[in-house]
Every structure is written in structure tokens, then in C-alpha cells.
Amino acid sequence: MSLLTSTEIIRIRDLGTLNRGDEVEAHLRNAVHYRGRVEDTAPGIGVVWIRDDADGRRAILHAEEYAIWLIRTVPFESSMAA
């Protein structure tokens, strides 16, 4: 038996579903502009702040400007017959 992982990419339409520490990407015209971990959200005004993986800076993402995607690594076990 071995432990494997799978990556799920989920489009976020409600910023209220994001939590501090979630890994997200911000896409603009089908290109990734930012990737990082959520630091704070303000769903009422359509904003999420992340710590950008590329340069370590804090970035503000406006949901009206970017498509926000949650990146989730999901472990699952698989048994392989010998």
C-alpha cells in the first residue's frame, strides 16, 4: 500500500469560503498572475490578500479583476496488486 496525492483546482466564486493559509492562484486572461497563501479576506468588498510565492510580497486580489482558484493537495491511499 502506498500514499499518493492528487491536486484539486477549484474555482472560488465566494471569497467567504477561503481560509487563512489556503493556497490560491489568481488568473487573468487564462494566465497565472499570482500564486500564494491566503492571509486575509474581505468577502463583502470582494478582496483577498495573499503572500505571493514568487517574491514574498503581500498582494491584494480583487475578485472582479481575477479568477481565483483554490489549489488543494488531497492524499489518498492506493493498493496495488502484486
Protein backbone atom coordinates (compact mmCIF):
# COMPACT_ATOMS: atom_id res chain seq x y z
CA MET A 1 0.00 0.00 0.00
CA SER A 2 1.34 3.46 -0.81
CA LEU A 3 0.27 7.00 -0.03
CA LEU A 4 -0.39 9.07 -3.15
CA THR A 5 -1.62 12.62 -3.63
CA SER A 6 -3.85 14.34 -6.11
CA THR A 7 -4.19 18.06 -6.78
CA GLU A 8 -7.65 19.61 -6.98
CA ILE A 9 -8.13 23.04 -8.54
CA ILE A 10 -11.44 24.64 -7.60
CA ARG A 11 -12.81 27.97 -8.90
CA ILE A 12 -13.73 30.25 -5.99
CA ARG A 13 -16.83 32.33 -6.56
CA ASP A 14 -17.49 33.16 -2.88
CA LEU A 15 -14.42 34.58 -1.09
CA GLY A 16 -16.12 33.73 2.22
CA THR A 17 -15.21 30.09 1.60
CA LEU A 18 -11.47 30.83 1.73
CA ASN A 19 -9.48 30.39 4.94
CA ARG A 20 -6.16 31.76 6.12
CA GLY A 21 -3.41 29.51 4.79
CA ASP A 22 -5.34 28.25 1.74
CA GLU A 23 -3.20 28.07 -1.39
CA VAL A 24 -4.68 30.02 -4.30
CA GLU A 25 -3.87 31.21 -7.79
CA ALA A 26 -5.14 34.41 -9.40
CA HIS A 27 -5.73 34.08 -13.14
CA LEU A 28 -6.13 36.91 -15.60
CA ARG A 29 -6.84 36.08 -19.25
CA ASN A 30 -6.03 32.39 -18.65
CA ALA A 31 -2.57 33.14 -17.22
CA VAL A 32 -1.46 32.80 -13.59
CA HIS A 33 -0.57 36.25 -12.25
CA TYR A 34 -0.22 35.36 -8.57
CA ARG A 35 0.14 32.20 -6.52
CA GLY A 36 0.35 32.14 -2.76
CA ARG A 37 -1.28 31.57 0.61
CA VAL A 38 -4.32 33.48 1.86
CA GLU A 39 -3.56 35.93 4.67
CA ASP A 40 -6.92 37.71 4.95
CA THR A 41 -10.23 38.09 3.16
CA ALA A 42 -12.91 40.75 2.88
CA PRO A 43 -15.74 38.99 1.04
CA GLY A 44 -18.06 41.97 1.45
CA ILE A 45 -15.86 44.08 -0.82
CA GLY A 46 -14.57 41.21 -2.99
CA VAL A 47 -10.95 41.25 -1.85
CA VAL A 48 -8.44 38.64 -0.71
CA TRP A 49 -4.86 39.27 0.46
CA ILE A 50 -2.19 36.67 -0.20
CA ARG A 51 1.54 36.26 0.40
CA ASP A 52 2.92 35.82 -3.13
CA ASP A 53 5.14 32.74 -3.55
CA ALA A 54 7.24 34.40 -6.27
CA ASP A 55 8.63 37.32 -4.28
CA GLY A 56 7.19 37.05 -0.77
CA ARG A 57 5.26 40.29 -1.06
CA ARG A 58 1.71 40.77 0.07
CA ALA A 59 -0.73 41.08 -2.85
CA ILE A 60 -4.32 42.26 -2.88
CA LEU A 61 -6.59 40.41 -5.29
CA HIS A 62 -9.90 41.84 -6.42
CA ALA A 63 -12.43 39.16 -7.34
CA GLU A 64 -13.82 41.39 -10.11
CA GLU A 65 -10.39 41.52 -11.75
CA TYR A 66 -9.05 37.99 -11.22
CA ALA A 67 -10.42 34.46 -11.38
CA ILE A 68 -9.43 32.99 -8.00
CA TRP A 69 -8.65 29.26 -7.86
CA LEU A 70 -8.12 27.15 -4.73
CA ILE A 71 -5.24 24.68 -5.07
CA ARG A 72 -5.70 21.68 -2.80
CA THR A 73 -3.49 18.60 -2.47
CA VAL A 74 -5.57 15.63 -1.41
CA PRO A 75 -3.95 12.44 -0.11
CA PHE A 76 -5.45 9.09 -0.97
CA GLU A 77 -4.31 5.53 -0.47
CA SER A 78 -3.96 3.09 -3.29
CA SER A 79 -3.26 -0.60 -3.04
CA MET A 80 -1.58 -2.23 -5.97
CA ALA A 81 -1.86 -5.96 -6.59
CA ALA A 82 1.49 -7.73 -6.83
